[in-house]
Amino acid sequence: MTRRLAGLQLAVLIATYLPAHAGLRDQFADTLYAPAVISVVAEYHGDTGGLSAVGRGKLLKARQTLIDFVASLQAESKDPFVYLEQDLRKKYPKRGDLFAGEFDGERILSIRVFDYEVGHGGRTLGFRYVTTEAAEGTVCEYQRSVVLNDRAGRWRIRKFGEFDSPVRE
């Protein structure tokens, strides 16, 4: 009886200790390798407090489209072309062409929007953003811009570049 009780106690101890220990290891790695924000860019576009709830929603939805697009470039299971207007799909028929034509690194590590511009009554949005990219063991940041069009409530990327004023034609 004592052996059976001791064996049961050992099994309970192992069942509770090992998963908790494994979780600590993952939490440690997450903490060790997590980026730390030291400061933020203070060059924000105007007063975002003046935006309506609809305007804020549009900006955040367009921003998410940009993030999803960048993430899809590196995920073989995702299609980055669903985020592009037809002209860009024609310009870049293959994923590799698109990545090589618009990005400099081998892998995009992060993206951060730091400015925006609204055009055409809110149907067009331009973002200025920074990507952190890794290539051949070197990590670099690049300032970029993109213009997105609202197509029946779905944002599509119309063009890349033109950092000074992305929305103007």
Foldseek 3Di string as FASTA:
>chain_A
DVVVVVVVVVVVCCVPPVVVVVVVVVVVVCVVPPDDDPDDDPPEDPDPVPDDPVLVVLVVQQVVLVVVLLVQLPDPVHDSCVQADPVVCVVQVDSVSVCVVAHDAPHWDDKAWGYKDADDVRQKMKTWMKTWHHHPRDTDIDIWMWMWGQDPNHIHTYDIHPRVDHPDD
